[in-house]
C-alpha cells in the first residue's frame, strides 16, 4: 500500500519539474529506484506464498501508479 502511495508521489514530483536537466535526473532516479522497489515487492509477495496471478496483477497496478501520478 505505502509503495503505491510512494509511486504516486514519484509521478507527481516528476510532473512538477520545470527544467529539462532536473526532469532528466529525476526520471533516471525514478527508473533505477523503481527497479529496486519492484524487486523487493515481488520478493515479498512470492515469499509469503501469494499466487502468481495475484503477484502479476499487483505488479501491473504498481507499475501504473507512477505514470498516473
Protein backbone atom coordinates (compact mmCIF):
# COMPACT_ATOMS: atom_id res chain seq x y z
CA UNK A 1 0.00 0.00 0.00
CA UNK A 2 2.68 2.50 1.00
CA UNK A 3 4.81 1.62 -2.01
CA UNK A 4 1.82 2.54 -4.15
CA UNK A 5 1.48 5.92 -2.47
CA UNK A 6 5.23 6.39 -2.84
CA UNK A 7 4.94 5.68 -6.58
CA UNK A 8 2.16 8.22 -6.95
CA UNK A 9 4.33 10.87 -5.32
CA UNK A 10 7.20 9.98 -7.66
CA UNK A 11 4.97 10.72 -10.62
CA UNK A 12 3.66 13.93 -9.09
CA UNK A 13 7.21 15.12 -8.38
CA UNK A 14 8.24 14.41 -11.95
CA UNK A 15 5.22 16.32 -13.24
CA UNK A 16 6.17 19.44 -11.30
CA UNK A 17 9.73 19.67 -12.60
CA UNK A 18 10.18 22.58 -14.97
CA UNK A 19 13.84 22.44 -16.02
CA UNK A 20 14.84 19.82 -18.56
CA UNK A 21 18.02 18.78 -16.73
CA UNK A 22 16.10 18.31 -13.47
CA UNK A 23 13.46 16.30 -15.34
CA UNK A 24 16.14 14.02 -16.80
CA UNK A 25 17.85 13.46 -13.44
CA UNK A 26 14.54 12.84 -11.68
CA UNK A 27 13.48 10.42 -14.42
CA UNK A 28 16.67 8.41 -14.09
CA UNK A 29 16.37 8.34 -10.31
CA UNK A 30 12.78 7.06 -10.57
CA UNK A 31 13.67 4.41 -13.16
CA UNK A 32 16.51 2.96 -11.09
CA UNK A 33 14.58 3.28 -7.84
CA UNK A 34 11.50 1.63 -9.38
CA UNK A 35 13.54 -1.44 -10.32
CA UNK A 36 14.70 -1.96 -6.76
CA UNK A 37 11.22 -1.36 -5.34
CA UNK A 38 9.67 -3.79 -7.85
CA UNK A 39 12.22 -6.46 -6.97
CA UNK A 40 11.58 -6.01 -3.25
CA UNK A 41 7.79 -6.10 -3.68
CA UNK A 42 7.87 -9.20 -5.88
CA UNK A 43 10.24 -11.00 -3.50
CA UNK A 44 7.98 -10.19 -0.56
CA UNK A 45 4.84 -11.38 -2.32
CA UNK A 46 6.39 -14.63 -3.51
CA UNK A 47 7.98 -15.34 -0.12
CA UNK A 48 4.55 -15.07 1.51
CA UNK A 49 3.11 -17.58 -0.97
CA UNK A 50 0.84 -15.28 -2.96
CA UNK A 51 -0.46 -16.94 -6.09
CA UNK A 52 1.43 -15.88 -9.19
CA UNK A 53 -1.65 -14.44 -10.85
CA UNK A 54 -2.12 -12.10 -7.88
CA UNK A 55 1.55 -11.14 -7.99
CA UNK A 56 1.19 -10.24 -11.68
CA UNK A 57 -1.91 -8.14 -11.00
CA UNK A 58 -0.30 -6.34 -8.07
CA UNK A 59 2.84 -5.64 -10.09
CA UNK A 60 0.78 -4.31 -13.00
CA UNK A 61 -1.03 -1.91 -10.68
CA UNK A 62 2.27 -0.92 -9.05
CA UNK A 63 3.88 -0.20 -12.41
CA UNK A 64 0.99 2.05 -13.46
CA UNK A 65 0.98 4.20 -10.34
CA UNK A 66 3.95 6.44 -11.22
CA UNK A 67 2.55 7.47 -14.62
CA UNK A 68 -0.83 8.14 -13.00
CA UNK A 69 0.81 10.49 -10.51
